[in-house]
Amino acid sequence: MGRPSLLGSEEEVPPEVPPPPYFQDLLLDELEGLFLASQDGFGLLSFFRNLPNHKTAVLHRQAVCRELEGKASSLRGFLRSMEEVRGRLGLSQKARHPWQKALYHLQAARAYLAGVGALGRDWSLLPPHSPGLRAYAAHLEAYLQSPGFSNLRREAETVWQDLQGLRYVLHVHEGRLTLRAYQGEGDYGRRIMETFRPFFGPSSPTFPEPGMEEGPILNHIEEWLLDHLALLFPGPFARLQSFFATHQGFLDPVLARLEREVRFFLAYLDFLSPLRAAGLPFTYPEPADTPPFFVEGAFDLVLAAKLVAEGKVPIPNDFRVEREHILVITGPNQGGKTTFARMVGQVHHLFSLGLPVPGRRARLLLPDRILSHFEVRENPEDLRSKLESDLLRLRDILEQATARSLLILNEPLASATLVDARMIGRFLLEKIRDKGSLALVVTFLDELARLPGTRSLVAEVDPSDPSRRTFHIREKPAEGKAYALALAARHGLTYEALKRRLGGGA
């Protein structure tokens, strides 16, 4: 049996990796912060930042994620148990007193035994069906029957019962404490309760079981009490000490990995939950090697999260790639072109991770890498011009690009003059076409949308009022001038209006 994994049987995720270069452009850095903020300390950023880049892993993860959408209550209970385990282990590490360390450690072990036992019972009644979870279920079944787990459970229960059975007398008199074993003395607590019963009413009062206070620091009286209890009852405390020394690493590494992986998937699904409740669709794309590649009804996930929090929803859009691999988007400023470009990049990144993506239906190429070029502020310490820096970045992108790469270029030639931008833009698109890469280019140059190998998309305006943007991106011939004229007319800046104002016309 191979190594169980929800990410893919051969996946090895590095512990820490920096965000890929395209993360900031596509707002994926914000997205990982939004849904992984509550999972600090589990190293889940590396799960989000590393793409498996093979179809088997994507399908494996999609099957896991689909199952978790419908059946995750057992695993949520397991995660709660593991949170208690880690909390108790943390207290054990912080505690100064040796007996307190050992007691917190014992509590952690008992929480762990309860958590894995409950998960094992749940999975025996309702076995998981996705390959990833099924492999973990098989491991858990074998683990629960292993001698190591049996010893851990037996010893933890023995030590706990020993400690629960301790009976002693604590005598407080004139500022002095005396501790000795219980020898059949009267129960003063019960006698006091009987004395004050008239004040309690017909039902007997109940009191919570005494336990150790939360927090790693004991006062000197508590430490004295623990030390003298250990002297008074050497057998149970010796077994506690032995348990602490023997079972330091009681967490099964495979189940610890299950916890991390489940946390990643559930954190993402929980992030989607309010968006789904707002009526936004999500889908598992079909991996494809040949066109058509498409998404229907997709949206920018980061923008959607902000809008839904304000009681709004984003405008959905489609994209489709068939014979032409280069999508060229033109249209008015602030018309949703950049958001559309980010959406396309986000969708491909999430799809590559095996996660559901925004949209009703999708069929996508699994890219070997995602490369982006968004405008960056000019660095005053950089002796190169902004155009030179942009060209060097574009050169790097072209050198890395392959026929399976996704390129997201957002106004890549904004720093060039119109003449230069036309010439360089034509050269750039020819190079992308020669590479065969899947590309999305946002530009103000309409003529690039008419080059061979391109597919023109336009950020639409309202037909009844061309100066009003709709944020719909449609496949149609580039028509940027219509919007420019409408905008000029709105502000009285058409040629005729200016001529009249300058006294040159009627």
Protein backbone atom coordinates (compact mmCIF):
# COMPACT_ATOMS: atom_id res chain seq x y z
CA MET A 1 0.00 0.00 0.00
CA GLY A 2 1.37 3.41 -0.98
CA ARG A 3 1.65 6.40 1.25
CA PRO A 4 -1.84 7.80 1.97
CA SER A 5 -2.34 11.35 0.79
CA LEU A 6 -5.24 13.60 -0.09
CA LEU A 7 -2.96 15.59 -2.39
CA GLY A 8 -1.86 12.68 -4.56
CA SER A 9 0.00 9.51 -3.71
CA GLU A 10 3.39 10.77 -4.86
CA GLU A 11 3.09 14.34 -3.65
CA GLU A 12 5.84 15.73 -1.50
CA VAL A 13 5.08 19.30 -0.45
CA PRO A 14 8.06 21.38 0.68
CA PRO A 15 7.59 22.82 4.18
CA GLU A 16 7.98 26.46 3.21
CA VAL A 17 8.02 28.11 -0.19
CA PRO A 18 7.70 31.78 -1.17
CA PRO A 19 4.64 32.84 -3.17
CA PRO A 20 5.05 32.35 -6.93
CA PRO A 21 5.69 35.57 -8.92
CA TYR A 22 2.14 35.68 -10.33
CA PHE A 23 0.45 35.57 -6.90
CA GLN A 24 0.40 39.32 -6.34
CA ASP A 25 -0.79 40.05 -9.89
CA LEU A 26 -3.70 37.62 -9.60
CA LEU A 27 -4.52 38.54 -5.96
CA LEU A 28 -3.80 34.96 -4.96
CA ASP A 29 -1.75 36.33 -2.06
CA GLU A 30 -4.95 37.95 -0.76
CA LEU A 31 -6.92 34.79 -1.41
CA GLU A 32 -4.55 32.58 0.59
CA GLY A 33 -4.72 35.11 3.41
CA LEU A 34 -8.52 35.07 3.34
CA PHE A 35 -9.02 31.34 3.67
CA LEU A 36 -5.86 30.25 5.47
CA ALA A 37 -5.71 33.01 8.07
CA SER A 38 -7.16 30.73 10.74
CA GLN A 39 -4.74 27.89 9.96
CA ASP A 40 -1.46 29.43 11.09
CA GLY A 41 1.15 26.97 12.23
CA PHE A 42 0.15 24.08 9.96
CA GLY A 43 2.31 24.98 6.97
CA LEU A 44 -0.66 25.07 4.61
CA LEU A 45 0.67 27.94 2.49
CA SER A 46 2.94 25.48 0.72
CA PHE A 47 -0.13 23.42 -0.20
CA PHE A 48 -1.62 26.49 -1.89
CA ARG A 49 1.56 27.63 -3.58
CA ASN A 50 2.71 24.36 -5.14
CA LEU A 51 0.94 23.12 -8.25
CA PRO A 52 1.12 19.37 -8.89
CA ASN A 53 1.07 19.90 -12.69
CA HIS A 54 -0.22 16.44 -13.49
CA LYS A 55 -3.74 15.36 -14.23
CA THR A 56 -3.71 12.33 -11.92
CA ALA A 57 -3.14 14.50 -8.86
CA VAL A 58 -5.85 16.97 -9.94
CA LEU A 59 -8.44 14.20 -10.35
CA HIS A 60 -7.31 12.64 -7.06
CA ARG A 61 -7.82 15.93 -5.21
CA GLN A 62 -11.13 16.66 -6.94
CA ALA A 63 -12.48 13.31 -5.74
CA VAL A 64 -11.36 14.09 -2.17
CA CYS A 65 -12.82 17.58 -2.24
CA ARG A 66 -16.15 16.37 -3.64
CA GLU A 67 -16.42 13.83 -0.84
CA LEU A 68 -15.50 16.37 1.82
CA GLU A 69 -18.26 18.65 0.54
CA GLY A 70 -20.84 16.01 1.39
CA LYS A 71 -19.29 14.14 4.30
CA ALA A 72 -16.84 15.89 6.56
CA SER A 73 -18.48 15.74 10.00
CA SER A 74 -16.26 12.84 11.15
CA LEU A 75 -13.15 14.67 10.04
CA ARG A 76 -14.28 17.91 11.64
CA GLY A 77 -14.59 15.98 14.93
CA PHE A 78 -11.11 14.58 14.35
CA LEU A 79 -9.76 18.09 13.80
CA ARG A 80 -11.36 19.32 17.03
CA SER A 81 -9.71 16.45 18.91
CA MET A 82 -6.37 17.26 17.34
CA GLU A 83 -6.77 20.90 18.34
CA GLU A 84 -7.22 19.77 21.93
CA VAL A 85 -4.20 17.48 21.59
CA ARG A 86 -2.02 20.29 20.30
CA GLY A 87 -3.31 22.65 22.95
CA ARG A 88 -2.45 20.22 25.75
CA LEU A 89 0.93 19.44 24.25
CA GLY A 90 1.63 23.15 24.03
CA LEU A 91 0.79 23.57 27.71
CA SER A 92 3.01 20.61 28.51
CA GLN A 93 5.94 22.24 26.74
CA LYS A 94 5.40 25.55 28.53
CA ALA A 95 4.85 24.12 32.00
CA ARG A 96 7.76 24.44 34.44
CA HIS A 97 6.76 21.80 36.94
CA PRO A 98 7.67 18.23 35.88
CA TRP A 99 4.45 16.65 37.18
CA GLN A 100 2.37 19.30 35.48
CA LYS A 101 4.20 18.62 32.21
CA ALA A 102 3.44 14.94 32.53
CA LEU A 103 -0.23 15.51 33.39
CA TYR A 104 -0.82 17.82 30.41
CA HIS A 105 0.93 15.24 28.23
CA LEU A 106 -1.38 12.51 29.53
CA GLN A 107 -4.44 14.67 28.82
CA ALA A 108 -3.18 15.23 25.27
CA ALA A 109 -2.71 11.50 24.75
CA ARG A 110 -6.24 10.75 25.97
CA ALA A 111 -7.70 13.40 23.62
CA TYR A 112 -5.73 11.83 20.78
CA LEU A 113 -6.95 8.33 21.62
CA ALA A 114 -10.53 9.58 21.75
CA GLY A 115 -10.21 11.45 18.44
CA VAL A 116 -8.65 8.66 16.37
CA GLY A 117 -10.95 6.09 17.98
CA ALA A 118 -14.05 8.10 17.05
CA LEU A 119 -12.81 8.58 13.49
CA GLY A 120 -12.12 4.87 13.19
CA ARG A 121 -15.65 4.02 14.39
CA ASP A 122 -17.24 6.53 12.01
CA TRP A 123 -15.27 5.25 9.03
CA SER A 124 -16.05 1.62 9.88
CA LEU A 125 -19.78 2.46 9.75
CA LEU A 126 -19.57 4.70 6.69
CA PRO A 127 -16.34 4.03 4.77
CA PRO A 128 -15.04 6.84 2.55
CA HIS A 129 -15.06 6.22 -1.18
CA SER A 130 -12.51 8.64 -2.67
CA PRO A 131 -9.08 7.01 -3.15
CA GLY A 132 -7.34 9.55 -0.92
CA LEU A 133 -9.64 9.14 2.08
CA ARG A 134 -9.97 5.40 1.49
CA ALA A 135 -6.20 4.99 1.80
CA TYR A 136 -6.24 6.88 5.09
CA ALA A 137 -9.17 4.75 6.32
CA ALA A 138 -7.17 1.59 5.57
CA HIS A 139 -4.18 2.99 7.42
CA LEU A 140 -6.32 4.01 10.39
CA GLU A 141 -7.94 0.58 10.62
CA ALA A 142 -4.54 -1.09 10.71
CA TYR A 143 -3.18 1.50 13.13
CA LEU A 144 -6.06 1.04 15.60
CA GLN A 145 -5.37 -2.70 15.65
CA SER A 146 -1.60 -2.34 15.98
CA PRO A 147 0.25 -3.34 19.18
CA GLY A 148 1.68 0.15 19.45
CA PHE A 149 -1.73 1.81 19.58
CA SER A 150 -3.06 -0.86 21.98
CA ASN A 151 -0.17 -0.27 24.35
CA LEU A 152 -0.64 3.46 24.21
CA ARG A 153 -4.36 3.18 24.95
CA ARG A 154 -3.90 0.63 27.75
CA GLU A 155 -1.12 2.53 29.48
CA ALA A 156 -2.88 5.89 29.19
CA GLU A 157 -6.06 4.44 30.67
CA THR A 158 -4.16 2.69 33.47
CA VAL A 159 -2.31 5.84 34.50
CA TRP A 160 -5.50 7.91 34.28
CA GLN A 161 -7.49 5.47 36.41
CA ASP A 162 -4.66 5.32 38.96
CA LEU A 163 -4.70 9.08 39.31
CA GLN A 164 -8.47 9.23 39.38
CA GLY A 165 -8.45 6.73 42.25
CA LEU A 166 -6.20 8.76 44.55
CA ARG A 167 -7.86 9.66 47.84
CA TYR A 168 -6.15 11.89 50.33
CA VAL A 169 -6.82 14.23 53.19
CA LEU A 170 -5.70 17.83 52.99
CA HIS A 171 -5.68 19.49 56.38
CA VAL A 172 -5.53 23.27 56.54
CA HIS A 173 -4.93 24.71 59.95
CA GLU A 174 -3.39 27.96 61.15
CA GLY A 175 -1.58 28.63 57.88
CA ARG A 176 -0.21 25.12 57.56
CA LEU A 177 -1.02 22.37 55.07
CA THR A 178 -0.90 18.73 55.93
CA LEU A 179 -1.34 15.96 53.39
CA ARG A 180 -1.86 12.30 54.10
CA ALA A 181 -3.57 9.27 52.59
CA TYR A 182 -7.28 8.84 53.15
CA GLN A 183 -8.00 6.47 56.03
CA GLY A 184 -11.76 6.40 56.19
CA GLU A 185 -12.22 9.83 57.70
CA GLY A 186 -15.58 11.50 57.54
CA ASP A 187 -16.47 13.37 54.41
CA TYR A 188 -16.61 16.96 55.61
CA GLY A 189 -17.81 18.14 52.28
CA ARG A 190 -20.87 15.93 52.49
CA ARG A 191 -21.50 16.95 56.11
CA ILE A 192 -21.35 20.62 55.16
CA MET A 193 -23.72 19.99 52.29
CA GLU A 194 -26.17 18.23 54.62
CA THR A 195 -25.92 21.09 57.10
CA PHE A 196 -26.78 23.64 54.45
CA ARG A 197 -29.27 21.48 52.54
CA PRO A 198 -32.25 23.69 53.60
CA PHE A 199 -30.67 26.48 51.60
CA PHE A 200 -30.26 24.34 48.47
CA GLY A 201 -33.91 23.47 48.00
CA PRO A 202 -35.34 20.04 47.21
CA SER A 203 -32.64 19.04 44.69
CA SER A 204 -29.07 18.36 45.68
CA PRO A 205 -26.51 20.86 44.37
CA THR A 206 -24.02 19.71 41.75
CA PHE A 207 -20.43 20.78 41.51
CA PRO A 208 -18.05 20.42 38.57
CA GLU A 209 -15.29 17.89 38.82
CA PRO A 210 -12.12 19.58 40.05
CA GLY A 211 -9.42 19.73 37.44
CA MET A 212 -6.17 21.43 36.68
CA GLU A 213 -6.51 25.10 35.92
CA GLU A 214 -5.84 26.14 32.34
CA GLY A 215 -2.41 27.65 32.08
CA PRO A 216 1.11 26.42 32.44
CA ILE A 217 2.11 28.22 35.64
CA LEU A 218 1.33 26.72 39.03
CA ASN A 219 1.59 28.65 42.26
CA HIS A 220 3.87 27.40 45.00
CA ILE A 221 1.02 25.75 46.93
CA GLU A 222 -0.10 23.77 43.88
CA GLU A 223 3.48 22.68 43.22
CA TRP A 224 3.88 21.63 46.87
CA LEU A 225 0.67 19.65 46.66
CA LEU A 226 1.76 17.82 43.49
CA ASP A 227 5.20 17.03 44.90
CA HIS A 228 3.78 15.63 48.12
CA LEU A 229 1.11 13.64 46.34
CA ALA A 230 3.92 12.04 44.33
CA LEU A 231 5.67 11.14 47.58
CA LEU A 232 2.47 9.87 49.13
CA PHE A 233 1.47 7.78 46.08
CA PRO A 234 4.75 6.78 44.40
CA GLY A 235 3.22 3.99 42.28
CA PRO A 236 0.71 6.02 40.20
CA PHE A 237 3.15 8.90 39.79
CA ALA A 238 5.94 6.55 38.73
CA ARG A 239 3.64 5.17 36.03
CA LEU A 240 2.77 8.73 35.00
CA GLN A 241 6.47 9.53 34.70
CA SER A 242 7.07 6.36 32.71
CA PHE A 243 4.18 7.16 30.35
CA PHE A 244 5.55 10.67 29.83
CA ALA A 245 9.02 9.35 29.04
CA THR A 246 7.89 6.45 26.84
CA HIS A 247 5.21 8.10 24.71
CA GLN A 248 6.69 11.48 23.87
CA GLY A 249 5.99 11.02 20.16
CA PHE A 250 2.60 9.36 20.40
CA LEU A 251 1.17 11.18 17.35
CA ASP A 252 1.09 8.90 14.33
CA PRO A 253 2.87 10.85 11.53
CA VAL A 254 0.43 9.60 8.88
CA LEU A 255 -2.59 10.81 10.87
CA ALA A 256 -0.81 14.09 11.58
CA ARG A 257 -0.45 14.51 7.82
CA LEU A 258 -4.13 13.66 7.38
CA GLU A 259 -4.92 16.50 9.76
CA ARG A 260 -2.89 19.01 7.72
CA GLU A 261 -4.34 17.93 4.42
CA VAL A 262 -7.92 17.90 5.66
CA ARG A 263 -7.44 21.36 7.16
CA PHE A 264 -6.38 22.67 3.76
CA PHE A 265 -9.41 21.34 1.90
CA LEU A 266 -11.93 22.24 4.59
CA ALA A 267 -10.51 25.76 4.99
CA TYR A 268 -11.12 26.37 1.29
CA LEU A 269 -14.61 24.81 1.34
CA ASP A 270 -15.53 26.84 4.42
CA PHE A 271 -14.34 29.98 2.63
CA LEU A 272 -16.66 29.15 -0.28
CA SER A 273 -19.64 28.46 1.95
CA PRO A 274 -20.98 32.05 2.25
CA LEU A 275 -20.37 32.62 -1.46
CA ARG A 276 -22.43 29.55 -2.30
CA ALA A 277 -25.12 30.73 0.08
CA ALA A 278 -25.22 33.98 -1.90
CA GLY A 279 -26.04 31.94 -5.03
CA LEU A 280 -22.58 31.94 -6.67
CA PRO A 281 -21.76 28.71 -8.54
CA PHE A 282 -18.62 26.58 -8.24
CA THR A 283 -17.56 23.69 -10.40
CA TYR A 284 -14.84 21.07 -10.78
CA PRO A 285 -13.27 21.64 -14.23
CA GLU A 286 -12.72 18.77 -16.59
CA PRO A 287 -8.97 18.47 -17.37
CA ALA A 288 -8.37 18.59 -21.12
CA ASP A 289 -5.35 18.43 -23.42
CA THR A 290 -7.01 19.86 -26.52
CA PRO A 291 -9.50 22.70 -27.06
CA PRO A 292 -12.10 23.75 -26.43
CA PHE A 293 -11.08 25.15 -23.05
CA PHE A 294 -13.73 27.22 -21.34
CA VAL A 295 -15.34 28.48 -18.16
CA GLU A 296 -18.94 29.58 -17.94
CA GLY A 297 -20.17 32.05 -15.33
CA ALA A 298 -16.82 32.63 -13.61
CA PHE A 299 -15.77 35.54 -11.42
CA ASP A 300 -12.86 36.94 -9.42
CA LEU A 301 -12.93 35.07 -6.13
CA VAL A 302 -11.30 37.81 -4.06
CA LEU A 303 -13.68 40.43 -5.43
CA ALA A 304 -16.61 38.08 -4.83
CA ALA A 305 -15.67 37.63 -1.17
CA LYS A 306 -15.62 41.40 -0.67
CA LEU A 307 -18.89 41.97 -2.55
CA VAL A 308 -20.76 39.18 -0.77
CA ALA A 309 -19.68 40.64 2.56
CA GLU A 310 -21.37 43.87 1.40
CA GLY A 311 -24.52 42.04 0.28
CA LYS A 312 -23.63 42.19 -3.43
CA VAL A 313 -22.53 39.64 -6.04
CA PRO A 314 -20.00 39.97 -8.89
CA ILE A 315 -20.82 40.05 -12.62
CA PRO A 316 -20.06 36.57 -14.02
CA ASN A 317 -18.21 36.15 -17.31
CA ASP A 318 -17.24 33.35 -19.69
CA PHE A 319 -14.15 32.64 -21.69
CA ARG A 320 -13.59 30.11 -24.40
CA VAL A 321 -10.48 29.01 -26.27
CA GLU A 322 -10.75 26.96 -29.42
CA ARG A 323 -8.34 27.17 -32.35
CA GLU A 324 -6.97 30.56 -31.36
CA HIS A 325 -4.94 30.36 -28.16
CA ILE A 326 -4.55 34.10 -27.59
CA LEU A 327 -7.43 36.05 -26.08
CA VAL A 328 -7.08 39.80 -26.60
CA ILE A 329 -9.30 41.98 -24.42
CA THR A 330 -9.99 45.60 -25.27
CA GLY A 331 -12.55 48.08 -24.05
CA PRO A 332 -13.00 51.04 -21.74
CA ASN A 333 -10.89 51.68 -18.69
CA GLN A 334 -12.45 50.45 -15.45
CA GLY A 335 -14.59 48.11 -17.53
CA GLY A 336 -13.54 44.90 -15.77
CA LYS A 337 -10.68 43.83 -18.07
CA THR A 338 -8.10 43.47 -15.30
CA THR A 339 -10.59 41.68 -13.05
CA PHE A 340 -11.36 39.32 -15.93
CA ALA A 341 -7.64 38.63 -16.44
CA ARG A 342 -7.20 37.89 -12.74
CA MET A 343 -10.23 35.63 -12.82
CA VAL A 344 -8.75 33.55 -15.64
CA GLY A 345 -5.48 33.18 -13.73
CA GLN A 346 -7.20 32.36 -10.44
CA VAL A 347 -9.39 29.74 -12.08
CA HIS A 348 -6.38 27.96 -13.58
CA HIS A 349 -4.44 28.06 -10.32
CA LEU A 350 -7.35 26.67 -8.28
CA PHE A 351 -8.08 24.05 -10.92
CA SER A 352 -4.44 22.95 -10.86
CA LEU A 353 -4.78 22.44 -7.10
CA GLY A 354 -7.81 20.18 -7.61
CA LEU A 355 -10.16 22.67 -5.93
CA PRO A 356 -13.59 23.78 -7.14
CA VAL A 357 -13.38 26.98 -9.16
CA PRO A 358 -15.84 29.86 -9.60
CA GLY A 359 -18.24 29.11 -12.45
CA ARG A 360 -21.08 26.88 -13.62
CA ARG A 361 -19.06 24.63 -15.95
CA ALA A 362 -15.42 24.43 -16.99
CA ARG A 363 -13.03 22.47 -19.19
CA LEU A 364 -9.42 23.58 -18.83
CA LEU A 365 -5.89 22.92 -19.90
CA LEU A 366 -3.67 22.01 -16.97
CA PRO A 367 -0.86 24.56 -17.36
CA ASP A 368 2.73 23.61 -16.66
CA ARG A 369 3.27 27.13 -15.32
CA ILE A 370 1.41 30.41 -14.96
CA LEU A 371 3.27 33.55 -16.03
CA SER A 372 1.96 37.06 -15.57
CA HIS A 373 2.89 40.61 -16.42
CA PHE A 374 0.94 43.33 -14.62
CA GLU A 375 2.01 46.91 -14.32
CA VAL A 376 4.39 47.68 -11.47
CA ARG A 377 5.41 51.04 -10.13
CA GLU A 378 8.61 52.47 -11.43
CA ASN A 379 11.47 51.88 -9.04
CA PRO A 380 13.45 55.14 -8.55
CA GLU A 381 16.55 53.09 -7.68
CA ASP A 382 16.37 51.19 -10.96
CA LEU A 383 18.52 52.95 -13.53
CA ARG A 384 16.59 51.33 -16.35
CA SER A 385 13.54 53.00 -17.89
CA LYS A 386 10.13 51.52 -17.18
CA LEU A 387 9.85 50.40 -20.80
CA GLU A 388 13.17 48.61 -20.59
CA SER A 389 12.14 46.88 -17.36
CA ASP A 390 8.84 45.84 -18.93
CA LEU A 391 10.58 44.45 -21.99
CA LEU A 392 13.02 42.46 -19.86
CA ARG A 393 10.13 40.99 -17.87
CA LEU A 394 8.34 40.06 -21.09
CA ARG A 395 11.51 38.47 -22.44
CA ASP A 396 11.78 36.32 -19.33
CA ILE A 397 8.16 35.27 -19.68
CA LEU A 398 8.64 34.29 -23.33
CA GLU A 399 11.76 32.30 -22.48
CA GLN A 400 9.89 30.32 -19.84
CA ALA A 401 6.69 29.81 -21.82
CA THR A 402 5.85 26.47 -23.41
CA ALA A 403 2.90 25.17 -25.37
CA ARG A 404 1.25 24.26 -22.03
CA SER A 405 1.88 27.57 -20.26
CA LEU A 406 -0.73 30.16 -19.35
CA LEU A 407 0.30 33.78 -19.89
CA ILE A 408 -1.69 36.62 -18.32
CA LEU A 409 -0.48 39.98 -19.67
CA ASN A 410 -2.27 43.09 -18.44
CA GLU A 411 -1.44 46.19 -20.50
CA PRO A 412 2.14 44.96 -20.99
CA LEU A 413 3.08 47.92 -23.22
CA ALA A 414 1.49 50.76 -21.30
CA SER A 415 4.89 52.42 -20.89
CA ALA A 416 5.60 52.50 -24.63
CA THR A 417 4.60 55.16 -27.13
CA LEU A 418 1.73 54.26 -29.42
CA VAL A 419 4.01 53.55 -32.37
CA ASP A 420 6.37 51.41 -30.29
CA ALA A 421 3.49 49.62 -28.55
CA ARG A 422 1.98 48.63 -31.92
CA MET A 423 5.28 47.28 -33.22
CA ILE A 424 6.29 45.50 -30.00
CA GLY A 425 2.76 44.22 -29.40
CA ARG A 426 2.64 42.59 -32.81
CA PHE A 427 6.06 40.99 -32.21
CA LEU A 428 4.99 39.83 -28.73
CA LEU A 429 1.82 38.13 -29.94
CA GLU A 430 3.65 36.48 -32.83
CA LYS A 431 6.13 34.99 -30.36
CA ILE A 432 3.33 33.73 -28.12
CA ARG A 433 1.57 32.25 -31.12
CA ASP A 434 4.79 30.49 -32.19
CA LYS A 435 5.17 29.07 -28.70
CA GLY A 436 1.58 27.80 -28.78
CA SER A 437 0.96 29.08 -25.24
CA LEU A 438 -2.48 29.86 -23.93
CA ALA A 439 -2.49 33.64 -23.39
CA LEU A 440 -4.77 36.41 -22.29
CA VAL A 441 -3.65 39.90 -23.21
CA VAL A 442 -5.36 43.07 -21.98
CA THR A 443 -4.47 45.99 -24.24
CA PHE A 444 -5.61 49.37 -25.49
CA LEU A 445 -4.47 48.47 -29.02
CA ASP A 446 -7.48 47.28 -30.99
CA GLU A 447 -5.37 46.11 -33.90
CA LEU A 448 -3.75 43.36 -31.77
CA ALA A 449 -7.18 41.74 -31.48
CA ARG A 450 -7.26 41.33 -35.25
CA LEU A 451 -3.90 39.51 -35.61
CA PRO A 452 -3.88 35.86 -36.72
CA GLY A 453 -4.22 33.41 -33.86
CA THR A 454 -6.11 35.83 -31.62
CA ARG A 455 -9.66 35.87 -30.33
CA SER A 456 -11.15 39.28 -29.57
CA LEU A 457 -13.02 39.96 -26.35
CA VAL A 458 -14.42 43.34 -25.44
CA ALA A 459 -15.47 44.89 -22.15
CA GLU A 460 -18.99 45.96 -23.05
CA VAL A 461 -20.73 49.24 -22.45
CA ASP A 462 -24.47 49.85 -22.25
CA PRO A 463 -25.82 50.12 -25.85
CA SER A 464 -28.27 52.82 -24.75
CA ASP A 465 -25.50 54.78 -23.04
CA PRO A 466 -22.02 53.92 -24.39
CA SER A 467 -20.39 55.83 -21.54
CA ARG A 468 -21.79 53.35 -18.97
CA ARG A 469 -19.76 50.16 -18.36
CA THR A 470 -21.51 46.82 -17.79
CA PHE A 471 -18.47 44.74 -16.65
CA HIS A 472 -19.53 42.03 -19.09
CA ILE A 473 -16.69 40.72 -21.27
CA ARG A 474 -18.04 39.45 -24.59
CA GLU A 475 -16.49 37.88 -27.63
CA LYS A 476 -16.82 40.49 -30.39
CA PRO A 477 -14.63 42.68 -32.62
CA ALA A 478 -12.69 45.40 -30.82
CA GLU A 479 -14.60 48.70 -30.79
CA GLY A 480 -12.73 50.94 -28.39
CA LYS A 481 -13.38 54.10 -30.41
CA ALA A 482 -17.14 53.97 -29.82
CA TYR A 483 -16.62 54.20 -26.08
CA ALA A 484 -13.99 56.92 -26.45
CA LEU A 485 -16.35 59.03 -28.55
CA ALA A 486 -19.21 58.53 -26.08
CA LEU A 487 -16.98 59.51 -23.20
CA ALA A 488 -15.69 62.57 -25.08
CA ALA A 489 -19.27 63.59 -25.87
CA ARG A 490 -20.28 63.26 -22.21
CA HIS A 491 -17.53 65.67 -21.20
CA GLY A 492 -17.92 68.01 -24.18
CA LEU A 493 -14.58 67.03 -25.66
CA THR A 494 -15.51 65.92 -29.17
CA TYR A 495 -13.83 67.67 -32.08
CA GLU A 496 -17.01 69.57 -32.92
CA ALA A 497 -17.62 70.65 -29.33
CA LEU A 498 -14.06 71.87 -28.89
CA LYS A 499 -14.20 73.68 -32.21
CA ARG A 500 -17.37 75.50 -31.17
CA ARG A 501 -15.91 76.45 -27.79
CA LEU A 502 -12.76 77.77 -29.44
CA GLY A 503 -14.82 79.91 -31.79
CA GLY A 504 -13.94 78.00 -34.90
CA GLY A 505 -17.35 76.58 -35.65
CA ALA A 506 -21.00 77.43 -35.90
